[in-house]
């Protein structure tokens, strides 16, 4: 079992930055690939970013590439999502997820946090 708790969301203006954090507890954090997903009202949950167990490999969705960066600290059992140049279309609930496979698919993740709201005003 892994418990995940996100933090760092908020209301910002377009062009601003936010840094989301996800704190993990439970089974060995470094044994999981970690990802961020988001879900806007009326839309399906979508992939944002993914990082490998060691942190050596990362994948970002095309919609956020160049603006968002995922990172992890295995010593502190945390994963972060640095979000720069935020746009109104980035408004969503952001979820942290842990899974045993390096995958962008929602269904491949076994553990989820409760989510943190990010709202970007124009």
C-alpha atoms as a PDB file:
ATOM      1  CA  UNK A   1       0.000   0.000   0.000  1.00  0.00           C
ATOM      2  CA  UNK A   2       1.088   3.527  -0.800  1.00  0.00           C
ATOM      3  CA  UNK A   3      -0.582   6.656   0.492  1.00  0.00           C
ATOM      4  CA  UNK A   4      -0.235   9.826  -1.577  1.00  0.00           C
ATOM      5  CA  UNK A   5      -0.988  13.382  -0.520  1.00  0.00           C
ATOM      6  CA  UNK A   6      -0.800  16.287  -2.967  1.00  0.00           C
ATOM      7  CA  UNK A   7      -0.278  19.924  -2.108  1.00  0.00           C
ATOM      8  CA  UNK A   8       0.592  23.202  -3.786  1.00  0.00           C
ATOM      9  CA  UNK A   9      -2.486  23.945  -5.848  1.00  0.00           C
ATOM     10  CA  UNK A  10      -4.169  27.322  -5.921  1.00  0.00           C
ATOM     11  CA  UNK A  11      -5.609  30.196  -7.929  1.00  0.00           C
ATOM     12  CA  UNK A  12      -3.162  32.071 -10.143  1.00  0.00           C
ATOM     13  CA  UNK A  13      -3.213  34.348 -13.158  1.00  0.00           C
ATOM     14  CA  UNK A  14      -2.177  33.247 -16.623  1.00  0.00           C
ATOM     15  CA  UNK A  15       1.589  33.247 -17.001  1.00  0.00           C
ATOM     16  CA  UNK A  16       2.265  32.470 -13.356  1.00  0.00           C
ATOM     17  CA  UNK A  17       3.979  29.431 -11.880  1.00  0.00           C
ATOM     18  CA  UNK A  18       3.022  26.809  -9.328  1.00  0.00           C
ATOM     19  CA  UNK A  19       4.867  23.859  -7.863  1.00  0.00           C
ATOM     20  CA  UNK A  20       2.840  20.827  -6.926  1.00  0.00           C
ATOM     21  CA  UNK A  21       4.165  18.295  -4.452  1.00  0.00           C
ATOM     22  CA  UNK A  22       3.156  14.752  -3.667  1.00  0.00           C
ATOM     23  CA  UNK A  23       4.260  13.100  -0.432  1.00  0.00           C
ATOM     24  CA  UNK A  24       4.246   9.308  -0.338  1.00  0.00           C
ATOM     25  CA  UNK A  25       4.174   6.916   2.581  1.00  0.00           C
ATOM     26  CA  UNK A  26       3.967   3.173   2.844  1.00  0.00           C
ATOM     27  CA  UNK A  27       5.816   0.709   0.634  1.00  0.00           C
ATOM     28  CA  UNK A  28       9.184   1.600  -0.891  1.00  0.00           C
ATOM     29  CA  UNK A  29       8.638   4.774  -2.854  1.00  0.00           C
ATOM     30  CA  UNK A  30      11.525   4.106  -5.204  1.00  0.00           C
ATOM     31  CA  UNK A  31       9.886   0.912  -6.453  1.00  0.00           C
ATOM     32  CA  UNK A  32       7.151   2.894  -8.217  1.00  0.00           C
ATOM     33  CA  UNK A  33       6.925   4.946 -11.327  1.00  0.00           C
ATOM     34  CA  UNK A  34       5.193   8.200 -10.449  1.00  0.00           C
ATOM     35  CA  UNK A  35       2.901  10.309 -12.559  1.00  0.00           C
ATOM     36  CA  UNK A  36       0.703  13.353 -12.564  1.00  0.00           C
ATOM     37  CA  UNK A  37      -2.722  13.364 -14.171  1.00  0.00           C
ATOM     38  CA  UNK A  38      -5.377  16.063 -14.305  1.00  0.00           C
ATOM     39  CA  UNK A  39      -9.105  16.240 -14.721  1.00  0.00           C
ATOM     40  CA  UNK A  40     -11.066  19.289 -15.764  1.00  0.00           C
ATOM     41  CA  UNK A  41     -14.843  19.548 -15.176  1.00  0.00           C
ATOM     42  CA  UNK A  42     -16.757  17.416 -17.650  1.00  0.00           C
ATOM     43  CA  UNK A  43     -13.607  15.870 -19.080  1.00  0.00           C
ATOM     44  CA  UNK A  44     -11.789  12.598 -18.653  1.00  0.00           C
ATOM     45  CA  UNK A  45      -8.683  12.296 -16.537  1.00  0.00           C
ATOM     46  CA  UNK A  46      -5.637  12.921 -18.710  1.00  0.00           C
ATOM     47  CA  UNK A  47      -1.940  12.228 -18.480  1.00  0.00           C
ATOM     48  CA  UNK A  48       0.355  15.158 -17.653  1.00  0.00           C
ATOM     49  CA  UNK A  49       3.802  13.811 -16.738  1.00  0.00           C
ATOM     50  CA  UNK A  50       5.584  10.613 -15.735  1.00  0.00           C
ATOM     51  CA  UNK A  51       8.914   9.821 -14.096  1.00  0.00           C
ATOM     52  CA  UNK A  52      10.747   6.529 -13.746  1.00  0.00           C
ATOM     53  CA  UNK A  53      11.668   4.841 -10.471  1.00  0.00           C
ATOM     54  CA  UNK A  54      15.168   6.269 -10.419  1.00  0.00           C
ATOM     55  CA  UNK A  55      14.158   9.638 -11.811  1.00  0.00           C
ATOM     56  CA  UNK A  56      16.400   9.213 -14.834  1.00  0.00           C
ATOM     57  CA  UNK A  57      13.567   9.178 -17.366  1.00  0.00           C
ATOM     58  CA  UNK A  58      10.633  11.539 -17.717  1.00  0.00           C
ATOM     59  CA  UNK A  59       7.763  11.963 -20.147  1.00  0.00           C
ATOM     60  CA  UNK A  60       5.545  15.014 -20.517  1.00  0.00           C
ATOM     61  CA  UNK A  61       2.307  15.403 -22.423  1.00  0.00           C
ATOM     62  CA  UNK A  62       2.582  17.516 -25.551  1.00  0.00           C
ATOM     63  CA  UNK A  63       0.197  20.064 -24.049  1.00  0.00           C
ATOM     64  CA  UNK A  64       2.618  20.827 -21.206  1.00  0.00           C
ATOM     65  CA  UNK A  65       6.002  20.089 -22.781  1.00  0.00           C
ATOM     66  CA  UNK A  66       8.400  22.965 -22.254  1.00  0.00           C
ATOM     67  CA  UNK A  67       6.262  24.444 -19.471  1.00  0.00           C
ATOM     68  CA  UNK A  68       5.945  21.679 -16.876  1.00  0.00           C
ATOM     69  CA  UNK A  69       8.710  19.564 -15.356  1.00  0.00           C
ATOM     70  CA  UNK A  70       8.315  16.465 -13.213  1.00  0.00           C
ATOM     71  CA  UNK A  71      10.960  15.500 -10.659  1.00  0.00           C
ATOM     72  CA  UNK A  72      11.312  13.203  -7.667  1.00  0.00           C
ATOM     73  CA  UNK A  73      13.376  12.879  -4.527  1.00  0.00           C
ATOM     74  CA  UNK A  74      13.529   9.254  -3.419  1.00  0.00           C
ATOM     75  CA  UNK A  75      15.282  10.175  -0.191  1.00  0.00           C
ATOM     76  CA  UNK A  76      12.295  12.320   0.799  1.00  0.00           C
ATOM     77  CA  UNK A  77       9.581  10.182  -0.808  1.00  0.00           C
ATOM     78  CA  UNK A  78       8.309  13.110  -2.826  1.00  0.00           C
ATOM     79  CA  UNK A  79       7.480  13.913  -6.426  1.00  0.00           C
ATOM     80  CA  UNK A  80       7.028  17.422  -7.760  1.00  0.00           C
ATOM     81  CA  UNK A  81       5.463  19.079 -10.762  1.00  0.00           C
ATOM     82  CA  UNK A  82       6.905  22.491 -11.585  1.00  0.00           C
ATOM     83  CA  UNK A  83       4.368  24.360 -13.696  1.00  0.00           C
ATOM     84  CA  UNK A  84       5.453  27.524 -15.497  1.00  0.00           C
ATOM     85  CA  UNK A  85       3.670  29.800 -17.954  1.00  0.00           C
ATOM     86  CA  UNK A  86       0.297  28.542 -16.791  1.00  0.00           C
ATOM     87  CA  UNK A  87      -2.686  28.914 -19.101  1.00  0.00           C
ATOM     88  CA  UNK A  88      -6.429  28.943 -18.354  1.00  0.00           C
ATOM     89  CA  UNK A  89      -6.703  25.551 -20.076  1.00  0.00           C
ATOM     90  CA  UNK A  90      -4.425  24.098 -17.378  1.00  0.00           C
ATOM     91  CA  UNK A  91      -7.273  24.545 -14.889  1.00  0.00           C
ATOM     92  CA  UNK A  92      -8.079  21.145 -13.391  1.00  0.00           C
ATOM     93  CA  UNK A  93      -7.753  18.927 -10.363  1.00  0.00           C
ATOM     94  CA  UNK A  94      -4.246  17.475 -10.419  1.00  0.00           C
ATOM     95  CA  UNK A  95      -3.661  13.957  -9.146  1.00  0.00           C
ATOM     96  CA  UNK A  96      -0.491  12.177  -8.157  1.00  0.00           C
ATOM     97  CA  UNK A  97      -0.348   8.452  -8.937  1.00  0.00           C
ATOM     98  CA  UNK A  98       1.977   5.518  -8.271  1.00  0.00           C
ATOM     99  CA  UNK A  99       2.297   2.413 -10.415  1.00  0.00           C
ATOM    100  CA  UNK A 100       4.563  -0.497 -11.066  1.00  0.00           C
ATOM    101  CA  UNK A 101       4.865   0.167 -14.790  1.00  0.00           C
ATOM    102  CA  UNK A 102       6.274   3.116 -16.695  1.00  0.00           C
ATOM    103  CA  UNK A 103       3.063   4.039 -18.466  1.00  0.00           C
ATOM    104  CA  UNK A 104       0.964   7.052 -19.479  1.00  0.00           C
ATOM    105  CA  UNK A 105      -2.265   5.079 -19.135  1.00  0.00           C
ATOM    106  CA  UNK A 106      -4.596   5.969 -16.272  1.00  0.00           C
ATOM    107  CA  UNK A 107      -5.513   2.334 -15.757  1.00  0.00           C
ATOM    108  CA  UNK A 108      -1.918   1.287 -15.038  1.00  0.00           C
ATOM    109  CA  UNK A 109      -1.799   3.171 -11.748  1.00  0.00           C
ATOM    110  CA  UNK A 110      -2.780   1.464  -8.516  1.00  0.00           C
ATOM    111  CA  UNK A 111      -2.511   4.301  -6.035  1.00  0.00           C
ATOM    112  CA  UNK A 112      -3.910   7.825  -6.228  1.00  0.00           C
ATOM    113  CA  UNK A 113      -3.900  10.933  -4.108  1.00  0.00           C
ATOM    114  CA  UNK A 114      -7.006  12.978  -3.341  1.00  0.00           C
ATOM    115  CA  UNK A 115      -6.103  15.700  -5.835  1.00  0.00           C
ATOM    116  CA  UNK A 116      -5.271  19.376  -5.613  1.00  0.00           C
ATOM    117  CA  UNK A 117      -7.137  22.121  -7.469  1.00  0.00           C
ATOM    118  CA  UNK A 118      -5.279  24.378  -9.877  1.00  0.00           C
ATOM    119  CA  UNK A 119      -7.215  27.330 -11.276  1.00  0.00           C
ATOM    120  CA  UNK A 120      -5.673  29.690 -13.818  1.00  0.00           C
ATOM    121  CA  UNK A 121      -7.511  32.920 -14.554  1.00  0.00           C
ATOM    122  CA  UNK A 122      -7.138  34.835 -17.795  1.00  0.00           C
END
